[in-house]
Amino acid sequence: MPLSFHDMPRSVARWTFVVSSITFGMLAMSGCVSSQAGEAVLTREILTAEEIARTTALTAYEAIQIRRPAFLAGADRRALRDADQPDTRPVVYVNGVFYGEVESLREIPVREIKDIRFLEANDATRVLGSTHVGGVIMVTTRLN
């Protein structure tokens, strides 16, 4: 179960703030694109709670499978890679803190999700370090 912000040590809380700030800045630059009718069109890298609510998904993994299967593409490529190649599966962060492998998304109920964002490998390695060659799935929960 993810820790609440208040349960985190100070260093983790600071790191969470830095990662969240950088991610927010990057997403603010890409943000939403306006259509000709003046309505906002969501980018394909963000899955919102509103979109998730319109599915039958019970977990974050199911919501991604239904609405943004490309987020899981790295996980599907694992079977095709050679043993000497680096693991290209995305990893999961919840509220800016490392949470686990893609399978850990099955533990996150959709009712707790504010949004899910995907950082491509280049952005993920630049922001979070070189061990994120498969990209990062960032889950933001509704903080109580």
N, C-alpha and C. Protein backbone atom coordinates (compact mmCIF):
# COMPACT_ATOMS: atom_id res chain seq x y z
N MET A 1 0.85 -1.18 0.00
CA MET A 1 0.00 0.00 0.00
C MET A 1 0.89 1.24 0.00
N PRO A 2 0.65 2.23 -0.84
CA PRO A 2 1.50 3.41 -0.90
C PRO A 2 1.46 4.19 0.41
N LEU A 3 2.61 4.79 0.71
CA LEU A 3 2.69 5.64 1.89
C LEU A 3 1.99 6.96 1.62
N SER A 4 1.44 7.54 2.66
CA SER A 4 0.91 8.88 2.51
C SER A 4 2.08 9.85 2.57
N PHE A 5 1.88 11.04 2.11
CA PHE A 5 2.94 12.04 2.09
C PHE A 5 3.49 12.28 3.48
N HIS A 6 2.63 12.24 4.50
CA HIS A 6 3.05 12.52 5.86
C HIS A 6 3.84 11.38 6.48
N ASP A 7 3.77 10.17 5.93
CA ASP A 7 4.51 9.02 6.44
C ASP A 7 5.93 8.94 5.88
N MET A 8 6.25 9.75 4.89
CA MET A 8 7.54 9.67 4.23
C MET A 8 8.62 10.41 5.03
N PRO A 9 9.86 9.88 5.01
CA PRO A 9 10.97 10.63 5.60
C PRO A 9 11.18 11.94 4.84
N ARG A 10 11.81 12.92 5.48
CA ARG A 10 12.02 14.23 4.85
C ARG A 10 12.73 14.14 3.52
N SER A 11 13.79 13.32 3.42
CA SER A 11 14.55 13.24 2.17
C SER A 11 13.68 12.71 1.04
N VAL A 12 12.83 11.73 1.33
CA VAL A 12 11.93 11.19 0.32
C VAL A 12 10.90 12.25 -0.06
N ALA A 13 10.39 12.97 0.94
CA ALA A 13 9.41 14.02 0.65
C ALA A 13 10.02 15.10 -0.23
N ARG A 14 11.27 15.48 0.04
CA ARG A 14 11.93 16.48 -0.82
C ARG A 14 12.09 15.95 -2.24
N TRP A 15 12.55 14.69 -2.36
CA TRP A 15 12.74 14.08 -3.67
C TRP A 15 11.41 14.01 -4.40
N THR A 16 10.36 13.67 -3.69
CA THR A 16 9.02 13.61 -4.29
C THR A 16 8.63 14.98 -4.83
N PHE A 17 8.89 16.03 -4.04
CA PHE A 17 8.58 17.38 -4.48
C PHE A 17 9.36 17.74 -5.73
N VAL A 18 10.66 17.41 -5.78
CA VAL A 18 11.50 17.74 -6.93
C VAL A 18 10.99 17.01 -8.17
N VAL A 19 10.76 15.69 -8.03
CA VAL A 19 10.29 14.91 -9.18
C VAL A 19 8.92 15.41 -9.65
N SER A 20 8.03 15.69 -8.71
CA SER A 20 6.70 16.19 -9.08
C SER A 20 6.79 17.53 -9.77
N SER A 21 7.67 18.41 -9.27
CA SER A 21 7.82 19.74 -9.87
C SER A 21 8.36 19.64 -11.29
N ILE A 22 9.36 18.78 -11.48
CA ILE A 22 9.94 18.62 -12.81
C ILE A 22 8.90 18.02 -13.76
N THR A 23 8.20 17.00 -13.28
CA THR A 23 7.18 16.36 -14.11
C THR A 23 6.08 17.35 -14.46
N PHE A 24 5.63 18.12 -13.47
CA PHE A 24 4.59 19.11 -13.74
C PHE A 24 5.06 20.11 -14.78
N GLY A 25 6.31 20.56 -14.65
CA GLY A 25 6.86 21.52 -15.62
C GLY A 25 6.89 20.96 -17.02
N MET A 26 7.33 19.70 -17.13
CA MET A 26 7.39 19.07 -18.45
C MET A 26 6.00 18.91 -19.03
N LEU A 27 5.07 18.50 -18.19
CA LEU A 27 3.71 18.30 -18.67
C LEU A 27 3.00 19.61 -18.97
N ALA A 28 3.35 20.63 -18.21
CA ALA A 28 2.75 21.94 -18.47
C ALA A 28 3.17 22.45 -19.85
N MET A 29 4.44 22.14 -20.22
CA MET A 29 4.91 22.56 -21.54
C MET A 29 4.19 21.79 -22.64
N SER A 30 3.97 20.46 -22.41
CA SER A 30 3.27 19.69 -23.43
C SER A 30 1.77 19.89 -23.28
N GLY A 31 1.31 19.87 -22.03
CA GLY A 31 -0.05 20.20 -21.64
C GLY A 31 -1.14 19.68 -22.53
N CYS A 32 -2.16 20.45 -22.62
CA CYS A 32 -3.29 20.11 -23.49
C CYS A 32 -3.18 20.94 -24.75
N VAL A 33 -3.62 20.37 -25.82
CA VAL A 33 -3.60 21.04 -27.11
C VAL A 33 -5.01 21.52 -27.40
N SER A 34 -5.14 22.73 -27.86
CA SER A 34 -6.48 23.25 -28.17
C SER A 34 -6.90 22.78 -29.55
N SER A 35 -8.12 22.38 -29.66
CA SER A 35 -8.66 22.02 -30.96
C SER A 35 -9.22 23.28 -31.61
N GLN A 36 -9.64 23.16 -32.86
CA GLN A 36 -10.17 24.33 -33.56
C GLN A 36 -11.46 24.82 -32.92
N ALA A 37 -12.20 23.94 -32.26
CA ALA A 37 -13.45 24.34 -31.63
C ALA A 37 -13.21 24.99 -30.27
N GLY A 38 -11.95 25.04 -29.84
CA GLY A 38 -11.63 25.69 -28.58
C GLY A 38 -11.69 24.77 -27.37
N GLU A 39 -11.97 23.48 -27.57
CA GLU A 39 -12.01 22.57 -26.44
C GLU A 39 -10.65 21.91 -26.28
N ALA A 40 -10.32 21.55 -25.06
CA ALA A 40 -9.02 20.94 -24.78
C ALA A 40 -9.03 19.48 -25.19
N VAL A 41 -7.93 19.03 -25.79
CA VAL A 41 -7.75 17.65 -26.16
C VAL A 41 -6.61 17.12 -25.29
N LEU A 42 -6.87 16.06 -24.52
CA LEU A 42 -5.85 15.52 -23.63
C LEU A 42 -4.74 14.86 -24.43
N THR A 43 -3.51 14.96 -23.93
CA THR A 43 -2.40 14.29 -24.59
C THR A 43 -2.50 12.80 -24.31
N ARG A 44 -1.87 12.02 -25.14
CA ARG A 44 -1.95 10.57 -24.99
C ARG A 44 -1.07 10.06 -23.86
N GLU A 45 -0.25 10.91 -23.26
CA GLU A 45 0.62 10.50 -22.17
C GLU A 45 -0.05 10.61 -20.81
N ILE A 46 -1.28 11.10 -20.76
CA ILE A 46 -1.98 11.28 -19.49
C ILE A 46 -3.31 10.53 -19.54
N LEU A 47 -3.57 9.76 -18.49
CA LEU A 47 -4.84 9.07 -18.33
C LEU A 47 -5.49 9.64 -17.07
N THR A 48 -6.61 10.31 -17.23
CA THR A 48 -7.25 11.01 -16.11
C THR A 48 -8.26 10.12 -15.38
N ALA A 49 -8.59 10.52 -14.16
CA ALA A 49 -9.60 9.81 -13.38
C ALA A 49 -10.93 9.79 -14.11
N GLU A 50 -11.25 10.86 -14.83
CA GLU A 50 -12.50 10.92 -15.56
C GLU A 50 -12.55 9.85 -16.66
N GLU A 51 -11.44 9.68 -17.36
CA GLU A 51 -11.39 8.65 -18.40
C GLU A 51 -11.48 7.25 -17.78
N ILE A 52 -10.80 7.07 -16.66
CA ILE A 52 -10.81 5.77 -15.98
C ILE A 52 -12.22 5.44 -15.51
N ALA A 53 -12.94 6.45 -15.01
CA ALA A 53 -14.30 6.23 -14.50
C ALA A 53 -15.24 5.72 -15.59
N ARG A 54 -14.92 5.99 -16.85
CA ARG A 54 -15.77 5.54 -17.95
C ARG A 54 -15.41 4.13 -18.43
N THR A 55 -14.63 3.40 -17.62
CA THR A 55 -14.27 2.02 -17.96
C THR A 55 -14.82 1.08 -16.90
N THR A 56 -14.60 -0.19 -17.13
CA THR A 56 -14.97 -1.21 -16.14
C THR A 56 -13.77 -1.62 -15.30
N ALA A 57 -12.67 -0.91 -15.44
CA ALA A 57 -11.42 -1.26 -14.75
C ALA A 57 -11.56 -1.16 -13.24
N LEU A 58 -10.91 -2.09 -12.56
CA LEU A 58 -10.87 -2.08 -11.10
C LEU A 58 -9.49 -1.68 -10.57
N THR A 59 -8.45 -1.88 -11.39
CA THR A 59 -7.08 -1.56 -10.98
C THR A 59 -6.43 -0.64 -12.00
N ALA A 60 -5.32 -0.04 -11.60
CA ALA A 60 -4.57 0.84 -12.51
C ALA A 60 -4.12 0.06 -13.74
N TYR A 61 -3.69 -1.18 -13.55
CA TYR A 61 -3.24 -2.00 -14.67
C TYR A 61 -4.37 -2.18 -15.70
N GLU A 62 -5.56 -2.51 -15.21
CA GLU A 62 -6.69 -2.70 -16.12
C GLU A 62 -7.06 -1.41 -16.84
N ALA A 63 -7.01 -0.29 -16.13
CA ALA A 63 -7.33 1.00 -16.75
C ALA A 63 -6.36 1.31 -17.87
N ILE A 64 -5.09 1.04 -17.64
CA ILE A 64 -4.08 1.28 -18.67
C ILE A 64 -4.28 0.33 -19.84
N GLN A 65 -4.56 -0.94 -19.55
CA GLN A 65 -4.82 -1.91 -20.61
C GLN A 65 -5.96 -1.46 -21.52
N ILE A 66 -7.00 -0.89 -20.92
CA ILE A 66 -8.18 -0.48 -21.68
C ILE A 66 -7.95 0.83 -22.43
N ARG A 67 -7.41 1.85 -21.74
CA ARG A 67 -7.32 3.20 -22.31
C ARG A 67 -5.98 3.58 -22.92
N ARG A 68 -4.86 3.08 -22.38
CA ARG A 68 -3.53 3.45 -22.88
C ARG A 68 -2.61 2.23 -22.94
N PRO A 69 -2.95 1.24 -23.77
CA PRO A 69 -2.12 0.03 -23.82
C PRO A 69 -0.67 0.29 -24.23
N ALA A 70 -0.42 1.40 -24.91
CA ALA A 70 0.96 1.72 -25.30
C ALA A 70 1.85 1.94 -24.08
N PHE A 71 1.27 2.33 -22.94
CA PHE A 71 2.06 2.49 -21.70
C PHE A 71 2.73 1.16 -21.33
N LEU A 72 2.09 0.05 -21.67
CA LEU A 72 2.58 -1.27 -21.29
C LEU A 72 3.42 -1.92 -22.38
N ALA A 73 3.67 -1.23 -23.48
CA ALA A 73 4.38 -1.81 -24.62
C ALA A 73 5.74 -2.36 -24.22
N GLY A 74 6.45 -1.69 -23.35
CA GLY A 74 7.75 -2.18 -22.90
C GLY A 74 7.62 -3.50 -22.19
N ALA A 75 6.56 -3.68 -21.44
CA ALA A 75 6.34 -4.93 -20.72
C ALA A 75 6.12 -6.08 -21.71
N ASP A 76 5.44 -5.80 -22.81
CA ASP A 76 5.19 -6.83 -23.81
C ASP A 76 6.45 -7.21 -24.58
N ARG A 77 7.38 -6.27 -24.71
CA ARG A 77 8.62 -6.54 -25.45
C ARG A 77 9.60 -7.40 -24.66
N ARG A 78 9.40 -7.58 -23.37
CA ARG A 78 10.35 -8.31 -22.54
C ARG A 78 10.61 -9.71 -23.07
N ALA A 79 9.58 -10.38 -23.49
CA ALA A 79 9.73 -11.75 -23.99
C ALA A 79 10.58 -11.80 -25.25
N LEU A 80 10.65 -10.71 -26.00
CA LEU A 80 11.38 -10.68 -27.26
C LEU A 80 12.85 -10.32 -27.09
N ARG A 81 13.26 -9.83 -25.93
CA ARG A 81 14.64 -9.35 -25.77
C ARG A 81 15.58 -10.51 -25.46
N ASP A 82 16.86 -10.32 -25.79
CA ASP A 82 17.89 -11.30 -25.44
C ASP A 82 18.25 -11.14 -23.97
N ALA A 83 18.81 -12.18 -23.39
CA ALA A 83 19.17 -12.15 -21.97
C ALA A 83 20.23 -11.10 -21.66
N ASP A 84 21.09 -10.77 -22.64
CA ASP A 84 22.15 -9.80 -22.37
C ASP A 84 21.73 -8.35 -22.61
N GLN A 85 20.51 -8.11 -23.08
CA GLN A 85 20.02 -6.76 -23.29
C GLN A 85 19.40 -6.22 -22.01
N PRO A 86 19.47 -4.90 -21.80
CA PRO A 86 18.86 -4.33 -20.60
C PRO A 86 17.35 -4.50 -20.61
N ASP A 87 16.80 -4.55 -19.42
CA ASP A 87 15.35 -4.68 -19.26
C ASP A 87 14.68 -3.39 -19.74
N THR A 88 13.76 -3.51 -20.68
CA THR A 88 13.12 -2.33 -21.27
C THR A 88 11.70 -2.15 -20.79
N ARG A 89 11.33 -2.78 -19.68
CA ARG A 89 9.98 -2.60 -19.14
C ARG A 89 9.91 -1.29 -18.38
N PRO A 90 8.77 -0.62 -18.47
CA PRO A 90 8.61 0.59 -17.65
C PRO A 90 8.53 0.21 -16.17
N VAL A 91 8.87 1.16 -15.32
CA VAL A 91 8.71 0.97 -13.88
C VAL A 91 7.63 1.93 -13.40
N VAL A 92 7.15 1.71 -12.19
CA VAL A 92 6.03 2.47 -11.66
C VAL A 92 6.47 3.34 -10.50
N TYR A 93 6.03 4.59 -10.53
CA TYR A 93 6.20 5.51 -9.42
C TYR A 93 4.80 5.93 -8.97
N VAL A 94 4.59 6.01 -7.67
CA VAL A 94 3.32 6.48 -7.13
C VAL A 94 3.62 7.72 -6.29
N ASN A 95 3.00 8.82 -6.64
CA ASN A 95 3.22 10.11 -5.97
C ASN A 95 4.70 10.46 -5.89
N GLY A 96 5.43 10.14 -6.97
CA GLY A 96 6.83 10.51 -7.07
C GLY A 96 7.80 9.57 -6.39
N VAL A 97 7.33 8.47 -5.82
CA VAL A 97 8.18 7.51 -5.12
C VAL A 97 8.13 6.18 -5.86
N PHE A 98 9.32 5.56 -6.04
CA PHE A 98 9.37 4.26 -6.73
C PHE A 98 8.42 3.29 -6.04
N TYR A 99 7.62 2.59 -6.86
CA TYR A 99 6.61 1.67 -6.32
C TYR A 99 6.87 0.23 -6.73
N GLY A 100 7.40 0.02 -7.94
CA GLY A 100 7.68 -1.35 -8.37
C GLY A 100 7.63 -1.52 -9.87
N GLU A 101 7.53 -2.78 -10.25
CA GLU A 101 7.45 -3.15 -11.66
C GLU A 101 6.01 -2.94 -12.16
N VAL A 102 5.80 -3.13 -13.44
CA VAL A 102 4.49 -2.92 -14.06
C VAL A 102 3.41 -3.73 -13.35
N GLU A 103 3.74 -4.93 -12.92
CA GLU A 103 2.75 -5.78 -12.27
C GLU A 103 2.19 -5.16 -11.00
N SER A 104 2.94 -4.26 -10.37
CA SER A 104 2.48 -3.61 -9.14
C SER A 104 1.26 -2.72 -9.38
N LEU A 105 1.00 -2.37 -10.64
CA LEU A 105 -0.19 -1.58 -10.97
C LEU A 105 -1.48 -2.33 -10.65
N ARG A 106 -1.39 -3.65 -10.56
CA ARG A 106 -2.56 -4.47 -10.24
C ARG A 106 -3.00 -4.28 -8.78
N GLU A 107 -2.13 -3.69 -7.95
CA GLU A 107 -2.43 -3.47 -6.53
C GLU A 107 -3.07 -2.11 -6.26
N ILE A 108 -3.17 -1.26 -7.27
CA ILE A 108 -3.67 0.10 -7.08
C ILE A 108 -5.12 0.18 -7.56
N PRO A 109 -6.07 0.36 -6.64
CA PRO A 109 -7.47 0.47 -7.05
C PRO A 109 -7.74 1.79 -7.78
N VAL A 110 -8.58 1.74 -8.80
CA VAL A 110 -8.85 2.93 -9.59
C VAL A 110 -9.49 4.05 -8.78
N ARG A 111 -10.21 3.73 -7.73
CA ARG A 111 -10.87 4.76 -6.93
C ARG A 111 -9.87 5.69 -6.24
N GLU A 112 -8.59 5.27 -6.14
CA GLU A 112 -7.56 6.09 -5.50
C GLU A 112 -6.76 6.94 -6.50
N ILE A 113 -7.03 6.79 -7.79
CA ILE A 113 -6.20 7.42 -8.81
C ILE A 113 -6.72 8.79 -9.22
N LYS A 114 -5.82 9.75 -9.23
CA LYS A 114 -6.11 11.09 -9.77
C LYS A 114 -5.75 11.11 -11.25
N ASP A 115 -4.55 10.64 -11.58
CA ASP A 115 -4.16 10.49 -12.98
C ASP A 115 -2.97 9.54 -13.09
N ILE A 116 -2.74 9.09 -14.32
CA ILE A 116 -1.61 8.23 -14.64
C ILE A 116 -0.92 8.86 -15.83
N ARG A 117 0.40 9.02 -15.72
CA ARG A 117 1.18 9.65 -16.79
C ARG A 117 2.29 8.71 -17.22
N PHE A 118 2.66 8.81 -18.48
CA PHE A 118 3.77 8.00 -18.98
C PHE A 118 4.90 8.91 -19.42
N LEU A 119 6.10 8.63 -18.92
CA LEU A 119 7.30 9.34 -19.37
C LEU A 119 8.07 8.40 -20.28
N GLU A 120 8.32 8.81 -21.50
CA GLU A 120 9.13 8.02 -22.42
C GLU A 120 10.53 7.85 -21.84
N ALA A 121 11.27 6.89 -22.36
CA ALA A 121 12.60 6.56 -21.84
C ALA A 121 13.52 7.78 -21.74
N ASN A 122 13.56 8.61 -22.79
CA ASN A 122 14.46 9.78 -22.76
C ASN A 122 14.11 10.73 -21.63
N ASP A 123 12.83 11.04 -21.47
CA ASP A 123 12.40 11.93 -20.39
C ASP A 123 12.62 11.28 -19.03
N ALA A 124 12.31 10.00 -18.93
CA ALA A 124 12.45 9.29 -17.65
C ALA A 124 13.91 9.23 -17.21
N THR A 125 14.82 8.94 -18.13
CA THR A 125 16.23 8.87 -17.74
C THR A 125 16.77 10.25 -17.42
N ARG A 126 16.30 11.26 -18.11
CA ARG A 126 16.76 12.63 -17.82
C ARG A 126 16.28 13.08 -16.44
N VAL A 127 15.04 12.78 -16.10
CA VAL A 127 14.45 13.24 -14.85
C VAL A 127 14.80 12.33 -13.67
N LEU A 128 14.77 11.02 -13.89
CA LEU A 128 14.88 10.08 -12.77
C LEU A 128 16.15 9.24 -12.75
N GLY A 129 16.94 9.26 -13.81
CA GLY A 129 18.19 8.50 -13.82
C GLY A 129 18.24 7.47 -14.93
N SER A 130 19.44 6.96 -15.14
CA SER A 130 19.70 6.10 -16.29
C SER A 130 19.10 4.70 -16.17
N THR A 131 18.56 4.34 -15.05
CA THR A 131 17.98 3.00 -14.90
C THR A 131 16.55 2.91 -15.42
N HIS A 132 16.06 3.95 -16.05
CA HIS A 132 14.67 3.98 -16.50
C HIS A 132 14.57 3.92 -18.02
N VAL A 133 15.30 2.98 -18.62
CA VAL A 133 15.34 2.90 -20.07
C VAL A 133 14.03 2.42 -20.69
N GLY A 134 13.14 1.87 -19.88
CA GLY A 134 11.84 1.43 -20.40
C GLY A 134 10.75 2.45 -20.20
N GLY A 135 11.10 3.60 -19.64
CA GLY A 135 10.10 4.62 -19.36
C GLY A 135 9.54 4.46 -17.96
N VAL A 136 8.67 5.38 -17.58
CA VAL A 136 8.11 5.37 -16.23
C VAL A 136 6.60 5.62 -16.32
N ILE A 137 5.84 4.83 -15.59
CA ILE A 137 4.42 5.06 -15.43
C ILE A 137 4.27 5.74 -14.07
N MET A 138 3.80 6.99 -14.09
CA MET A 138 3.66 7.77 -12.85
C MET A 138 2.19 7.86 -12.48
N VAL A 139 1.87 7.31 -11.31
CA VAL A 139 0.51 7.33 -10.81
C VAL A 139 0.42 8.40 -9.73
N THR A 140 -0.54 9.28 -9.86
CA THR A 140 -0.81 10.27 -8.82
C THR A 140 -2.13 9.88 -8.16
N THR A 141 -2.09 9.72 -6.84
CA THR A 141 -3.29 9.31 -6.14
C THR A 141 -3.99 10.53 -5.56
N ARG A 142 -5.24 10.29 -5.21
CA ARG A 142 -6.02 11.34 -4.51
C ARG A 142 -5.59 11.30 -3.07
N LEU A 143 -4.89 12.33 -2.63
CA LEU A 143 -4.40 12.36 -1.26
C LEU A 143 -5.53 12.73 -0.33
N ASN A 144 -5.69 11.99 0.73
CA ASN A 144 -6.76 12.23 1.69
C ASN A 144 -6.37 13.27 2.72
